């Protein structure tokens, strides 16, 4: 389940689903660091939506750690692997 809000390094990011974000911006999700917003395409299936959510969280982690310039290819690769590890091992940390 994707939460409506997530904290990264103490900064709150609201999470919303936007219909057709891929059609308008050619992306499955996006993040705005300055207003603390993660947007996901609502038309994605649940698995893809979760993968994109993890991808955007990684962007937030790198940004909050001081890495404003990020390698999209690296974020993609690490995001896919991290999602698999979290999902396949039922890691929820409640």
PDB file of N, CA and C in Angstrom:
ATOM      1  N   UNK A   1       0.843  -1.186   0.000  1.00  0.00           N
ATOM      2  CA  UNK A   1       0.000   0.000   0.000  1.00  0.00           C
ATOM      3  C   UNK A   1       0.886   1.245   0.000  1.00  0.00           C
ATOM      4  N   UNK A   2       0.545   2.178  -0.830  1.00  0.00           N
ATOM      5  CA  UNK A   2       1.306   3.419  -0.927  1.00  0.00           C
ATOM      6  C   UNK A   2       0.666   4.450   0.004  1.00  0.00           C
ATOM      7  N   UNK A   3       1.444   5.017   0.914  1.00  0.00           N
ATOM      8  CA  UNK A   3       0.885   5.993   1.859  1.00  0.00           C
ATOM      9  C   UNK A   3       0.606   7.338   1.187  1.00  0.00           C
ATOM     10  N   UNK A   4      -0.204   8.141   1.847  1.00  0.00           N
ATOM     11  CA  UNK A   4      -0.490   9.496   1.361  1.00  0.00           C
ATOM     12  C   UNK A   4       0.636  10.464   1.688  1.00  0.00           C
ATOM     13  N   UNK A   5       1.508  10.043   2.606  1.00  0.00           N
ATOM     14  CA  UNK A   5       2.618  10.900   3.020  1.00  0.00           C
ATOM     15  C   UNK A   5       3.784  10.017   3.456  1.00  0.00           C
ATOM     16  N   UNK A   6       4.993  10.484   3.170  1.00  0.00           N
ATOM     17  CA  UNK A   6       6.201   9.765   3.566  1.00  0.00           C
ATOM     18  C   UNK A   6       7.227  10.789   4.034  1.00  0.00           C
ATOM     19  N   UNK A   7       8.015  10.433   5.057  1.00  0.00           N
ATOM     20  CA  UNK A   7       9.083  11.307   5.544  1.00  0.00           C
ATOM     21  C   UNK A   7      10.421  10.788   5.058  1.00  0.00           C
ATOM     22  N   UNK A   8      11.234  11.700   4.549  1.00  0.00           N
ATOM     23  CA  UNK A   8      12.593  11.383   4.116  1.00  0.00           C
ATOM     24  C   UNK A   8      13.511  12.387   4.787  1.00  0.00           C
ATOM     25  N   UNK A   9      14.384  11.909   5.660  1.00  0.00           N
ATOM     26  CA  UNK A   9      15.300  12.775   6.417  1.00  0.00           C
ATOM     27  C   UNK A   9      14.534  13.867   7.162  1.00  0.00           C
ATOM     28  N   UNK A  10      13.377  13.490   7.687  1.00  0.00           N
ATOM     29  CA  UNK A  10      12.570  14.422   8.463  1.00  0.00           C
ATOM     30  C   UNK A  10      11.701  15.354   7.641  1.00  0.00           C
ATOM     31  N   UNK A  11      11.801  15.301   6.327  1.00  0.00           N
ATOM     32  CA  UNK A  11      11.003  16.154   5.445  1.00  0.00           C
ATOM     33  C   UNK A  11       9.787  15.369   4.974  1.00  0.00           C
ATOM     34  N   UNK A  12       8.607  15.966   5.118  1.00  0.00           N
ATOM     35  CA  UNK A  12       7.377  15.302   4.702  1.00  0.00           C
ATOM     36  C   UNK A  12       7.127  15.525   3.216  1.00  0.00           C
ATOM     37  N   UNK A  13       6.819  14.444   2.539  1.00  0.00           N
ATOM     38  CA  UNK A  13       6.434  14.480   1.131  1.00  0.00           C
ATOM     39  C   UNK A  13       5.014  13.943   1.023  1.00  0.00           C
ATOM     40  N   UNK A  14       4.106  14.729   0.479  1.00  0.00           N
ATOM     41  CA  UNK A  14       2.763  14.255   0.199  1.00  0.00           C
ATOM     42  C   UNK A  14       2.808  13.425  -1.076  1.00  0.00           C
ATOM     43  N   UNK A  15       2.007  12.382  -1.118  1.00  0.00           N
ATOM     44  CA  UNK A  15       1.972  11.485  -2.269  1.00  0.00           C
ATOM     45  C   UNK A  15       0.575  11.536  -2.871  1.00  0.00           C
ATOM     46  N   UNK A  16       0.505  11.863  -4.152  1.00  0.00           N
ATOM     47  CA  UNK A  16      -0.781  11.933  -4.836  1.00  0.00           C
ATOM     48  C   UNK A  16      -0.722  11.142  -6.133  1.00  0.00           C
ATOM     49  N   UNK A  17      -1.895  10.740  -6.577  1.00  0.00           N
ATOM     50  CA  UNK A  17      -2.014  10.073  -7.869  1.00  0.00           C
ATOM     51  C   UNK A  17      -2.699  11.029  -8.834  1.00  0.00           C
ATOM     52  N   UNK A  18      -2.092  11.179 -10.008  1.00  0.00           N
ATOM     53  CA  UNK A  18      -2.585  12.101 -11.025  1.00  0.00           C
ATOM     54  C   UNK A  18      -2.915  11.290 -12.274  1.00  0.00           C
ATOM     55  N   UNK A  19      -4.113  11.460 -12.789  1.00  0.00           N
ATOM     56  CA  UNK A  19      -4.491  10.740 -14.004  1.00  0.00           C
ATOM     57  C   UNK A  19      -3.770  11.313 -15.219  1.00  0.00           C
ATOM     58  N   UNK A  20      -3.159  10.438 -15.986  1.00  0.00           N
ATOM     59  CA  UNK A  20      -2.549  10.829 -17.248  1.00  0.00           C
ATOM     60  C   UNK A  20      -1.242  11.589 -17.155  1.00  0.00           C
ATOM     61  N   UNK A  21      -0.546  11.500 -16.028  1.00  0.00           N
ATOM     62  CA  UNK A  21       0.732  12.221 -15.891  1.00  0.00           C
ATOM     63  C   UNK A  21       1.720  11.757 -16.967  1.00  0.00           C
ATOM     64  N   UNK A  22       1.652  10.480 -17.337  1.00  0.00           N
ATOM     65  CA  UNK A  22       2.538   9.967 -18.380  1.00  0.00           C
ATOM     66  C   UNK A  22       2.217  10.602 -19.731  1.00  0.00           C
ATOM     67  N   UNK A  23       0.946  10.802 -20.018  1.00  0.00           N
ATOM     68  CA  UNK A  23       0.546  11.415 -21.287  1.00  0.00           C
ATOM     69  C   UNK A  23       1.019  12.858 -21.390  1.00  0.00           C
ATOM     70  N   UNK A  24       0.958  13.585 -20.287  1.00  0.00           N
ATOM     71  CA  UNK A  24       1.319  15.017 -20.301  1.00  0.00           C
ATOM     72  C   UNK A  24       2.810  15.256 -20.187  1.00  0.00           C
ATOM     73  N   UNK A  25       3.495  14.480 -19.353  1.00  0.00           N
ATOM     74  CA  UNK A  25       4.900  14.771 -19.055  1.00  0.00           C
ATOM     75  C   UNK A  25       5.858  13.648 -19.472  1.00  0.00           C
ATOM     76  N   UNK A  26       5.327  12.588 -20.090  1.00  0.00           N
ATOM     77  CA  UNK A  26       6.140  11.447 -20.513  1.00  0.00           C
ATOM     78  C   UNK A  26       6.947  10.859 -19.355  1.00  0.00           C
ATOM     79  N   UNK A  27       6.286  10.708 -18.224  1.00  0.00           N
ATOM     80  CA  UNK A  27       6.901  10.126 -17.034  1.00  0.00           C
ATOM     81  C   UNK A  27       5.833   9.376 -16.243  1.00  0.00           C
ATOM     82  N   UNK A  28       6.247   8.369 -15.504  1.00  0.00           N
ATOM     83  CA  UNK A  28       5.303   7.595 -14.698  1.00  0.00           C
ATOM     84  C   UNK A  28       5.100   8.194 -13.318  1.00  0.00           C
ATOM     85  N   UNK A  29       6.025   9.051 -12.917  1.00  0.00           N
ATOM     86  CA  UNK A  29       5.955   9.728 -11.632  1.00  0.00           C
ATOM     87  C   UNK A  29       6.939  10.874 -11.612  1.00  0.00           C
ATOM     88  N   UNK A  30       6.762  11.763 -10.655  1.00  0.00           N
ATOM     89  CA  UNK A  30       7.696  12.882 -10.524  1.00  0.00           C
ATOM     90  C   UNK A  30       7.700  13.372  -9.086  1.00  0.00           C
ATOM     91  N   UNK A  31       8.749  14.109  -8.759  1.00  0.00           N
ATOM     92  CA  UNK A  31       8.903  14.627  -7.402  1.00  0.00           C
ATOM     93  C   UNK A  31       9.233  16.106  -7.473  1.00  0.00           C
ATOM     94  N   UNK A  32       8.652  16.856  -6.560  1.00  0.00           N
ATOM     95  CA  UNK A  32       8.984  18.272  -6.407  1.00  0.00           C
ATOM     96  C   UNK A  32       9.533  18.420  -4.991  1.00  0.00           C
ATOM     97  N   UNK A  33      10.839  18.606  -4.900  1.00  0.00           N
ATOM     98  CA  UNK A  33      11.506  18.668  -3.596  1.00  0.00           C
ATOM     99  C   UNK A  33      11.092  19.900  -2.803  1.00  0.00           C
ATOM    100  N   UNK A  34      10.871  20.994  -3.489  1.00  0.00           N
ATOM    101  CA  UNK A  34      10.659  22.277  -2.814  1.00  0.00           C
ATOM    102  C   UNK A  34       9.287  22.391  -2.151  1.00  0.00           C
ATOM    103  N   UNK A  35       8.305  21.691  -2.694  1.00  0.00           N
ATOM    104  CA  UNK A  35       6.992  21.713  -2.041  1.00  0.00           C
ATOM    105  C   UNK A  35       6.667  20.375  -1.377  1.00  0.00           C
ATOM    106  N   UNK A  36       7.601  19.421  -1.460  1.00  0.00           N
ATOM    107  CA  UNK A  36       7.408  18.121  -0.815  1.00  0.00           C
ATOM    108  C   UNK A  36       6.268  17.327  -1.419  1.00  0.00           C
ATOM    109  N   UNK A  37       6.363  17.052  -2.720  1.00  0.00           N
ATOM    110  CA  UNK A  37       5.267  16.374  -3.405  1.00  0.00           C
ATOM    111  C   UNK A  37       5.791  15.285  -4.334  1.00  0.00           C
ATOM    112  N   UNK A  38       5.223  14.105  -4.193  1.00  0.00           N
ATOM    113  CA  UNK A  38       5.470  12.992  -5.108  1.00  0.00           C
ATOM    114  C   UNK A  38       4.162  12.724  -5.839  1.00  0.00           C
ATOM    115  N   UNK A  39       4.227  12.709  -7.171  1.00  0.00           N
ATOM    116  CA  UNK A  39       3.049  12.436  -7.988  1.00  0.00           C
ATOM    117  C   UNK A  39       3.276  11.144  -8.767  1.00  0.00           C
ATOM    118  N   UNK A  40       2.260  10.291  -8.765  1.00  0.00           N
ATOM    119  CA  UNK A  40       2.304   9.011  -9.466  1.00  0.00           C
ATOM    120  C   UNK A  40       1.156   8.957 -10.461  1.00  0.00           C
ATOM    121  N   UNK A  41       1.377   8.330 -11.602  1.00  0.00           N
ATOM    122  CA  UNK A  41       0.310   8.190 -12.592  1.00  0.00           C
ATOM    123  C   UNK A  41      -0.728   7.203 -12.061  1.00  0.00           C
ATOM    124  N   UNK A  42      -1.959   7.652 -11.914  1.00  0.00           N
ATOM    125  CA  UNK A  42      -3.020   6.818 -11.343  1.00  0.00           C
ATOM    126  C   UNK A  42      -3.428   5.676 -12.265  1.00  0.00           C
ATOM    127  N   UNK A  43      -3.052   5.738 -13.531  1.00  0.00           N
ATOM    128  CA  UNK A  43      -3.452   4.711 -14.488  1.00  0.00           C
ATOM    129  C   UNK A  43      -2.518   3.492 -14.489  1.00  0.00           C
ATOM    130  N   UNK A  44      -1.461   3.540 -13.703  1.00  0.00           N
ATOM    131  CA  UNK A  44      -0.531   2.414 -13.631  1.00  0.00           C
ATOM    132  C   UNK A  44      -1.142   1.263 -12.843  1.00  0.00           C
ATOM    133  N   UNK A  45      -0.719   0.030 -13.150  1.00  0.00           N
ATOM    134  CA  UNK A  45      -1.159  -1.077 -12.310  1.00  0.00           C
ATOM    135  C   UNK A  45      -0.441  -0.968 -10.961  1.00  0.00           C
ATOM    136  N   UNK A  46      -0.913  -1.685  -9.976  1.00  0.00           N
ATOM    137  CA  UNK A  46      -0.416  -1.517  -8.609  1.00  0.00           C
ATOM    138  C   UNK A  46       1.078  -1.808  -8.477  1.00  0.00           C
ATOM    139  N   UNK A  47       1.549  -2.862  -9.124  1.00  0.00           N
ATOM    140  CA  UNK A  47       2.973  -3.197  -9.029  1.00  0.00           C
ATOM    141  C   UNK A  47       3.835  -2.088  -9.608  1.00  0.00           C
ATOM    142  N   UNK A  48       3.475  -1.604 -10.789  1.00  0.00           N
ATOM    143  CA  UNK A  48       4.254  -0.531 -11.417  1.00  0.00           C
ATOM    144  C   UNK A  48       4.186   0.734 -10.565  1.00  0.00           C
ATOM    145  N   UNK A  49       3.036   1.018 -10.002  1.00  0.00           N
ATOM    146  CA  UNK A  49       2.878   2.206  -9.154  1.00  0.00           C
ATOM    147  C   UNK A  49       3.798   2.117  -7.939  1.00  0.00           C
ATOM    148  N   UNK A  50       3.891   0.938  -7.342  1.00  0.00           N
ATOM    149  CA  UNK A  50       4.780   0.738  -6.195  1.00  0.00           C
ATOM    150  C   UNK A  50       6.241   0.909  -6.598  1.00  0.00           C
ATOM    151  N   UNK A  51       6.617   0.381  -7.761  1.00  0.00           N
ATOM    152  CA  UNK A  51       7.990   0.549  -8.251  1.00  0.00           C
ATOM    153  C   UNK A  51       8.320   2.025  -8.455  1.00  0.00           C
ATOM    154  N   UNK A  52       7.401   2.750  -9.048  1.00  0.00           N
ATOM    155  CA  UNK A  52       7.620   4.179  -9.301  1.00  0.00           C
ATOM    156  C   UNK A  52       7.697   4.937  -7.978  1.00  0.00           C
ATOM    157  N   UNK A  53       6.892   4.552  -7.013  1.00  0.00           N
ATOM    158  CA  UNK A  53       6.934   5.174  -5.689  1.00  0.00           C
ATOM    159  C   UNK A  53       8.316   5.003  -5.059  1.00  0.00           C
ATOM    160  N   UNK A  54       8.860   3.789  -5.098  1.00  0.00           N
ATOM    161  CA  UNK A  54      10.203   3.542  -4.558  1.00  0.00           C
ATOM    162  C   UNK A  54      11.230   4.370  -5.325  1.00  0.00           C
ATOM    163  N   UNK A  55      11.083   4.451  -6.631  1.00  0.00           N
ATOM    164  CA  UNK A  55      11.981   5.257  -7.465  1.00  0.00           C
ATOM    165  C   UNK A  55      11.985   6.717  -7.001  1.00  0.00           C
ATOM    166  N   UNK A  56      10.801   7.276  -6.791  1.00  0.00           N
ATOM    167  CA  UNK A  56      10.709   8.680  -6.375  1.00  0.00           C
ATOM    168  C   UNK A  56      11.237   8.875  -4.951  1.00  0.00           C
ATOM    169  N   UNK A  57      11.044   7.886  -4.083  1.00  0.00           N
ATOM    170  CA  UNK A  57      11.615   7.960  -2.733  1.00  0.00           C
ATOM    171  C   UNK A  57      13.140   7.992  -2.805  1.00  0.00           C
ATOM    172  N   UNK A  58      13.719   7.211  -3.703  1.00  0.00           N
ATOM    173  CA  UNK A  58      15.177   7.242  -3.868  1.00  0.00           C
ATOM    174  C   UNK A  58      15.649   8.628  -4.296  1.00  0.00           C
ATOM    175  N   UNK A  59      14.913   9.254  -5.204  1.00  0.00           N
ATOM    176  CA  UNK A  59      15.260  10.629  -5.579  1.00  0.00           C
ATOM    177  C   UNK A  59      15.248  11.529  -4.341  1.00  0.00           C
ATOM    178  N   UNK A  60      14.224  11.385  -3.507  1.00  0.00           N
ATOM    179  CA  UNK A  60      14.129  12.195  -2.290  1.00  0.00           C
ATOM    180  C   UNK A  60      15.295  11.909  -1.352  1.00  0.00           C
ATOM    181  N   UNK A  61      15.656  10.641  -1.193  1.00  0.00           N
ATOM    182  CA  UNK A  61      16.783  10.271  -0.326  1.00  0.00           C
ATOM    183  C   UNK A  61      18.073  10.929  -0.800  1.00  0.00           C
ATOM    184  N   UNK A  62      18.342  10.833  -2.078  1.00  0.00           N
ATOM    185  CA  UNK A  62      19.562  11.434  -2.622  1.00  0.00           C
ATOM    186  C   UNK A  62      19.538  12.950  -2.462  1.00  0.00           C
ATOM    187  N   UNK A  63      18.396  13.573  -2.752  1.00  0.00           N
ATOM    188  CA  UNK A  63      18.290  15.030  -2.630  1.00  0.00           C
ATOM    189  C   UNK A  63      18.510  15.474  -1.189  1.00  0.00           C
ATOM    190  N   UNK A  64      17.859  14.814  -0.251  1.00  0.00           N
ATOM    191  CA  UNK A  64      17.978  15.194   1.156  1.00  0.00           C
ATOM    192  C   UNK A  64      19.376  14.902   1.696  1.00  0.00           C
ATOM    193  N   UNK A  65      20.104  13.994   1.047  1.00  0.00           N
ATOM    194  CA  UNK A  65      21.491  13.708   1.432  1.00  0.00           C
ATOM    195  C   UNK A  65      22.475  14.676   0.777  1.00  0.00           C
ATOM    196  N   UNK A  66      21.949  15.611  -0.002  1.00  0.00           N
ATOM    197  CA  UNK A  66      22.802  16.638  -0.599  1.00  0.00           C
ATOM    198  C   UNK A  66      23.189  16.403  -2.044  1.00  0.00           C
ATOM    199  N   UNK A  67      22.647  15.361  -2.652  1.00  0.00           N
ATOM    200  CA  UNK A  67      22.951  15.074  -4.059  1.00  0.00           C
ATOM    201  C   UNK A  67      21.857  15.668  -4.946  1.00  0.00           C
ATOM    202  N   UNK A  68      22.033  16.935  -5.309  1.00  0.00           N
ATOM    203  CA  UNK A  68      21.021  17.578  -6.149  1.00  0.00           C
ATOM    204  C   UNK A  68      21.095  17.094  -7.593  1.00  0.00           C
ATOM    205  N   UNK A  69      22.300  16.808  -8.073  1.00  0.00           N
ATOM    206  CA  UNK A  69      22.476  16.234  -9.413  1.00  0.00           C
ATOM    207  C   UNK A  69      22.444  14.716  -9.270  1.00  0.00           C
ATOM    208  N   UNK A  70      21.519  14.068  -9.964  1.00  0.00           N
ATOM    209  CA  UNK A  70      21.350  12.627  -9.808  1.00  0.00           C
ATOM    210  C   UNK A  70      21.401  11.923 -11.159  1.00  0.00           C
ATOM    211  N   UNK A  71      21.923  10.720 -11.139  1.00  0.00           N
ATOM    212  CA  UNK A  71      22.013   9.888 -12.333  1.00  0.00           C
ATOM    213  C   UNK A  71      20.720   9.073 -12.442  1.00  0.00           C
ATOM    214  N   UNK A  72      19.881   9.412 -13.402  1.00  0.00           N
ATOM    215  CA  UNK A  72      18.578   8.759 -13.547  1.00  0.00           C
ATOM    216  C   UNK A  72      18.718   7.254 -13.778  1.00  0.00           C
ATOM    217  N   UNK A  73      19.708   6.852 -14.540  1.00  0.00           N
ATOM    218  CA  UNK A  73      19.924   5.431 -14.800  1.00  0.00           C
ATOM    219  C   UNK A  73      20.231   4.683 -13.503  1.00  0.00           C
ATOM    220  N   UNK A  74      21.050   5.270 -12.649  1.00  0.00           N
ATOM    221  CA  UNK A  74      21.375   4.638 -11.376  1.00  0.00           C
ATOM    222  C   UNK A  74      20.130   4.548 -10.489  1.00  0.00           C
ATOM    223  N   UNK A  75      19.351   5.627 -10.425  1.00  0.00           N
ATOM    224  CA  UNK A  75      18.116   5.614  -9.631  1.00  0.00           C
ATOM    225  C   UNK A  75      17.183   4.521 -10.149  1.00  0.00           C
ATOM    226  N   UNK A  76      17.052   4.401 -11.468  1.00  0.00           N
ATOM    227  CA  UNK A  76      16.201   3.354 -12.053  1.00  0.00           C
ATOM    228  C   UNK A  76      16.653   1.967 -11.621  1.00  0.00           C
ATOM    229  N   UNK A  77      17.941   1.697 -11.753  1.00  0.00           N
ATOM    230  CA  UNK A  77      18.458   0.360 -11.442  1.00  0.00           C
ATOM    231  C   UNK A  77      18.333   0.025  -9.957  1.00  0.00           C
ATOM    232  N   UNK A  78      18.742   0.948  -9.107  1.00  0.00           N
ATOM    233  CA  UNK A  78      18.663   0.712  -7.661  1.00  0.00           C
ATOM    234  C   UNK A  78      17.201   0.625  -7.224  1.00  0.00           C
ATOM    235  N   UNK A  79      16.344   1.455  -7.796  1.00  0.00           N
ATOM    236  CA  UNK A  79      14.929   1.440  -7.444  1.00  0.00           C
ATOM    237  C   UNK A  79      14.267   0.107  -7.716  1.00  0.00           C
ATOM    238  N   UNK A  80      14.562  -0.482  -8.873  1.00  0.00           N
ATOM    239  CA  UNK A  80      13.975  -1.774  -9.227  1.00  0.00           C
ATOM    240  C   UNK A  80      14.448  -2.860  -8.263  1.00  0.00           C
ATOM    241  N   UNK A  81      15.730  -2.871  -7.958  1.00  0.00           N
ATOM    242  CA  UNK A  81      16.272  -3.880  -7.042  1.00  0.00           C
ATOM    243  C   UNK A  81      15.735  -3.669  -5.626  1.00  0.00           C
ATOM    244  N   UNK A  82      15.703  -2.422  -5.158  1.00  0.00           N
ATOM    245  CA  UNK A  82      15.195  -2.139  -3.817  1.00  0.00           C
ATOM    246  C   UNK A  82      13.729  -2.539  -3.695  1.00  0.00           C
ATOM    247  N   UNK A  83      12.933  -2.233  -4.704  1.00  0.00           N
ATOM    248  CA  UNK A  83      11.525  -2.628  -4.685  1.00  0.00           C
ATOM    249  C   UNK A  83      11.402  -4.146  -4.548  1.00  0.00           C
ATOM    250  N   UNK A  84      12.186  -4.881  -5.330  1.00  0.00           N
ATOM    251  CA  UNK A  84      12.140  -6.342  -5.290  1.00  0.00           C
ATOM    252  C   UNK A  84      12.513  -6.857  -3.907  1.00  0.00           C
ATOM    253  N   UNK A  85      13.553  -6.311  -3.308  1.00  0.00           N
ATOM    254  CA  UNK A  85      13.991  -6.751  -1.979  1.00  0.00           C
ATOM    255  C   UNK A  85      12.898  -6.483  -0.945  1.00  0.00           C
ATOM    256  N   UNK A  86      12.326  -5.289  -0.966  1.00  0.00           N
ATOM    257  CA  UNK A  86      11.265  -4.943  -0.011  1.00  0.00           C
ATOM    258  C   UNK A  86      10.048  -5.843  -0.198  1.00  0.00           C
ATOM    259  N   UNK A  87       9.631  -6.020  -1.434  1.00  0.00           N
ATOM    260  CA  UNK A  87       8.422  -6.784  -1.740  1.00  0.00           C
ATOM    261  C   UNK A  87       8.599  -8.281  -1.451  1.00  0.00           C
ATOM    262  N   UNK A  88       9.665  -8.867  -1.968  1.00  0.00           N
ATOM    263  CA  UNK A  88       9.851 -10.316  -1.838  1.00  0.00           C
ATOM    264  C   UNK A  88      10.147 -10.759  -0.412  1.00  0.00           C
ATOM    265  N   UNK A  89      10.589  -9.855   0.431  1.00  0.00           N
ATOM    266  CA  UNK A  89      10.900 -10.193   1.817  1.00  0.00           C
ATOM    267  C   UNK A  89       9.895  -9.622   2.805  1.00  0.00           C
ATOM    268  N   UNK A  90       8.782  -9.100   2.283  1.00  0.00           N
ATOM    269  CA  UNK A  90       7.714  -8.538   3.120  1.00  0.00           C
ATOM    270  C   UNK A  90       8.247  -7.558   4.153  1.00  0.00           C
ATOM    271  N   UNK A  91       9.143  -6.691   3.739  1.00  0.00           N
ATOM    272  CA  UNK A  91       9.751  -5.724   4.656  1.00  0.00           C
ATOM    273  C   UNK A  91       8.885  -4.471   4.746  1.00  0.00           C
ATOM    274  N   UNK A  92       8.176  -4.355   5.860  1.00  0.00           N
ATOM    275  CA  UNK A  92       7.317  -3.194   6.064  1.00  0.00           C
ATOM    276  C   UNK A  92       7.778  -2.321   7.218  1.00  0.00           C
ATOM    277  N   UNK A  93       8.541  -2.866   8.150  1.00  0.00           N
ATOM    278  CA  UNK A  93       9.110  -2.113   9.273  1.00  0.00           C
ATOM    279  C   UNK A  93       8.064  -1.357  10.080  1.00  0.00           C
ATOM    280  N   UNK A  94       7.005  -2.031  10.478  1.00  0.00           N
ATOM    281  CA  UNK A  94       5.975  -1.370  11.278  1.00  0.00           C
ATOM    282  C   UNK A  94       6.327  -1.390  12.731  1.00  0.00           C
TER     283      UNK A  94
END
